[in-house]
Amino acid sequence: MNHKEFYDKVVAMRKAQKDYFKFRSSAYLQTSKRLEREIDDEIKRVETVLAEEERKNRPSLFGDGFYTT
């Protein structure tokens, strides 16, 4: 998901949340929960990618791990 898609999904989620509290409709609640799950999944995905990048860029205590003689 790119930045624009994430933004659009958050906007849709907030609209569904507001609509749910305005109308107390189960359809809005289901939509809101579905969008919240999608946002949460995307946040987890990005956190995993960032953690992996950080792990790759972290210097090793023992050098590169390979010894040549």
Protein backbone atom coordinates (compact mmCIF):
# COMPACT_ATOMS: atom_id res chain seq x y z
CA MET A 1 0.00 0.00 0.00
CA ASN A 2 1.44 3.38 -0.92
CA HIS A 3 1.11 6.67 0.98
CA LYS A 4 -1.97 7.83 -0.94
CA GLU A 5 -3.76 4.51 -0.55
CA PHE A 6 -3.03 4.53 3.19
CA TYR A 7 -4.29 8.10 3.51
CA ASP A 8 -7.47 7.32 1.54
CA LYS A 9 -8.15 4.23 3.67
CA VAL A 10 -7.69 6.19 6.91
CA VAL A 11 -10.09 8.86 5.63
CA ALA A 12 -12.64 6.15 4.77
CA MET A 13 -12.15 4.53 8.18
CA ARG A 14 -12.71 7.81 10.02
CA LYS A 15 -15.84 8.48 7.96
CA ALA A 16 -17.21 5.02 8.78
CA GLN A 17 -16.43 5.54 12.48
CA LYS A 18 -18.18 8.91 12.52
CA ASP A 19 -21.14 7.52 10.59
CA TYR A 20 -21.42 4.63 13.04
CA PHE A 21 -21.56 6.96 16.04
CA LYS A 22 -24.02 9.20 14.24
CA PHE A 23 -26.44 6.47 13.06
CA ARG A 24 -25.49 3.45 15.25
CA SER A 25 -25.85 1.25 12.20
CA SER A 26 -24.39 -2.26 12.21
CA ALA A 27 -23.37 -1.77 8.56
CA TYR A 28 -21.21 1.22 9.49
CA LEU A 29 -19.79 -0.71 12.43
CA GLN A 30 -18.80 -3.63 10.18
CA THR A 31 -17.26 -1.27 7.64
CA SER A 32 -15.39 0.58 10.36
CA LYS A 33 -14.02 -2.63 11.89
CA ARG A 34 -12.96 -3.95 8.47
CA LEU A 35 -11.12 -0.72 7.66
CA GLU A 36 -9.52 -0.63 11.12
CA ARG A 37 -8.23 -4.18 10.57
CA GLU A 38 -6.80 -3.20 7.18
CA ILE A 39 -5.07 -0.15 8.70
CA ASP A 40 -3.72 -2.24 11.59
CA ASP A 41 -2.43 -4.86 9.14
CA GLU A 42 -0.68 -2.19 7.07
CA ILE A 43 0.91 -0.66 10.18
CA LYS A 44 2.21 -4.11 11.18
CA ARG A 45 3.54 -4.69 7.65
CA VAL A 46 5.41 -1.38 7.62
CA GLU A 47 6.78 -1.95 11.13
CA THR A 48 8.11 -5.34 10.00
CA VAL A 49 9.77 -3.79 6.93
CA LEU A 50 11.33 -1.01 9.02
CA ALA A 51 12.58 -3.47 11.65
CA GLU A 52 14.17 -5.63 8.94
CA GLU A 53 15.87 -2.59 7.39
CA GLU A 54 17.14 -1.53 10.80
CA ARG A 55 18.44 -5.05 11.48
CA LYS A 56 20.27 -5.08 8.15
CA ASN A 57 21.85 -1.68 8.78
CA ARG A 58 22.87 -2.40 12.38
CA PRO A 59 26.61 -2.98 12.69
CA SER A 60 27.56 -6.39 13.99
CA LEU A 61 29.50 -6.71 17.20
CA PHE A 62 31.73 -9.27 15.47
CA GLY A 63 32.20 -7.59 12.12
CA ASP A 64 30.57 -9.13 9.07
CA GLY A 65 30.62 -12.64 10.55
CA PHE A 66 33.09 -14.05 8.03
CA TYR A 67 36.72 -14.81 8.74
CA THR A 68 39.17 -15.23 5.92
CA THR A 69 42.67 -16.54 6.37
